[in-house]
Structures are given as C-alpha cells and as structure tokens.
C-alpha cells in the first residue's frame, strides 16, 4: 500500500484523522455509563424489591455478562484486527440496547441473567471494552498515551449526565421505563457516529500512526532536520504468550478484576441498605466515574515521564484504600470519599488495561492479544460479584469478602510494579527478565 506523505510531517499542522476516532470512542464511553455498566447498581434495590430476588442474582447477572464477553472476546479481537469497529460497534450497541429494553418485561430472575448474557456476547461493557479501546491504540504510537487520555474524558462526562439521569428516570417512571429510555438514547447517539466516522487503522486511509511519516526528512535546508520516526515493534499473539510479561499482566488484571467484582457492583446497594439517600448515592457514583476519567486522563499525560506499570500500581493501591473506606462507609462524607478514591483507582486500572498491551506488544496483533487475555480476566473476575452476593445473603454483610478483595488489590499493585516490558529477540523470545530493559512510548527498547 502506498501511504501518503501529505500532511504527515511534524512541521505541518494538518488535523490527524485519528483524533476523530478518539472523539467517537470517547462519546461511546460516555454513553456506555447509562447502558447497565456504572448505573447498574442503581437498579439493584428497586428491581430486587419488586421482583423478590436476592443480591446474588444480580451478581450472577454481572458475572454471566463477563463470562459471555470472555467467550466471545477472541473472536471480537480477531474481527477488530481485520475489520475494525465501524460495523462491530453499531451491532454491539444495537444488541445491547434491545436486551436492555427487554428488561422492562422481565418477571423472573433467570430472565435478568439471560439478558445480561446476551449483552456480554457482543462485548460492550464500558470503558474496558475491546470494541471501544483497541481502535484508539491502533491509530497512535508516539501519542498513544495522550489519545487514551483524551478518549477517557468520555467517562466523567457520561457519568455526570447518565448516572444522575438514571436515578431521575427511576424516580419518575420506575426502573422498567428507565431501561427503555436509556437504551434508546444510547443507540441513537452511538450508531450514527460509528457508521460515519470509524475506520480500522491509519493505513486504510493512506496515513501513518500519529499522522507522522516514518521516512520523512525536512528538506527545507534547516540546520535541525526532522528525524524519521522509528517503526513500532509488534508481537504476534503466540510470541506474546511466550513472554513472562504477558502472564504477569494476566495475573495482575485477573486479581484486580476478582477484587473489583466483589466490591464494585455491591457497594451501591450496600450504601442504600445503610440508610444513605439513593439520590446522593447516585451523585457519588457519578463522582466515582468523573474521577475515574480524570485519573485516566492524568495517567495518559504522565506516561511519557512515568512508566505505565508504576501508574497502574498506584491505581490498584487507590482501589485497596477505597475498599477499606467502603467497609466503614456508614456516613455520607466517608461514602463520598470511598467513591472518589475508588474512581481514581478504576481510572488507573482502565488506563493500564488500555495502554500497556499496545505499549508492550505493539498494535499489529493487539486485538488478538487482548482477545486471548480477556477470557481469563473476565472469567476470574466474574466470580467476585456472585460470591459477594452469596456472602451478603448468608451473613447479612459484605465485609469478609471485601477484605479478601483488599488483599488481592495490594498483591496486584506489587506485581504490576515489577512487570517490565519484554524485549523481543530474533526468534520471538523474551529477553526482559534477563536484561530488565523496558520500552519507550514508541515501543523501542531503552
């Protein structure tokens, strides 16, 4: 393929199409806050009271969605590498919207679980979804951290809009109509934007990642010519699986997913059980997502100065602190503080999950690599929510299982901090464990 040099030099200020991809994916992340992800906890108490189902059922619904995503993620990852998100994202949104609308008709717990399973198959599950995060990292190398940062701004914006709006809809019309309205809004926003603007990768438009031609030299006669940009090193999925770093990251994300599953879904109804006002809980939930977006944005801007593994470890430490606060959150100030710190930790987790796979293993086979990882982390993580629900149903308290989550978060932070970038040798092996060398943001060994 002949790639165009037009507008790709660093000296020209032409607008790079990749930023349109960032804008669409940021919008999708914003709208996903109202699609049974962050706002799901607001439905648990009213739905449980009316349908007469326990908290473990909602935990199973969350976990079945995770498991379904795990089963489909290898296929989704391969499709993303080959075709991109232009058709896949609208299909995912449409299927999710129909399933959410169908929640208005349920009268039994098994129906809730089945519908959440259908949503999981298409892999649309908020900020960590393959269909919304992989495309952004495929369009950037040098500016990947900034691109992830700007795309993450959709999360706080979406939280500020859709989480309080969810509680308003529930108060006005009940939880059944609220699901229909939210799903209709989501489909009407994301589907047109995806079909109009999304493209697979810069090469499809005759462009280069970041809009910079790696072979370009300044021929203007200036004393400081512009150096060509070094190509990114990419690993195949098989090569990545032969590295220590790959399995260390799998362990890190598996532990965090399991820990977050025990706390994240159940803390909202737990606060309501303690007599805290549902409207204030919804505002605190929005604050959670706002700070998650702020945290992701900040880490994206810092990653050129601080290694991603340290930023991720900091995020996991925030999660541990927030979980301890959640256990003792019986008053509004502590509840708000716990949600705020939890959001900062989630932002760290989302940033690391989106950024580090591309940073360590390149963008060429990123969909397949993450499609292999997702089944492991989602299935492991999916056990957290139902286990926490059973603990609460049987003991009347989440505290014991939440302390287990705290320990897992601390261990994940420690492991993340020592997981260095692999160095690819000629036969695809991993030299990182022997050399301790890492990669810079463009993917080259330092």
Foldseek 3Di string as FASTA:
>chain_A
DAFDPPQQAPVHDDDDLLVLLLVLLLQLLLLLCQLCALQVLLVVVQVCVQLVDFQLLVLLLLLLLLLLLLVQLLVVLVCLLVFAQLPLVLVLLVLSLVLLLCVLVDRHSVSSSVSSNSSSNSQPHHLQGPNSQLQSLQQAFLLSLQSQLSSLQSQLNSLVPNLLVLVVCCVPPNNNVSSNVSSVVSSVPNNVSSNPRDGRYQVVVSAHRVSHAQPDWDPPPDPDIDHGDDAAAAAALVLLVQAPLLVLVLLLLQLLLQLCLQDSSPLLVVLVVLVDDNSLSSVLSSLLRNLLSVLLNVCSVCCLPPPLLLLLLVLLLLLLVLLVLSQVPSDSVSSSVSSNSPSNSNSSVSNCSSQVLCLQHNSSSSSNNVSNSSSSNSNSSSVNSSVLRVCCVVPVDSVVSNVVSSVSSNVSSVSSNQSARFDQDPVSHTCCVVVVWHAGSNNHTD
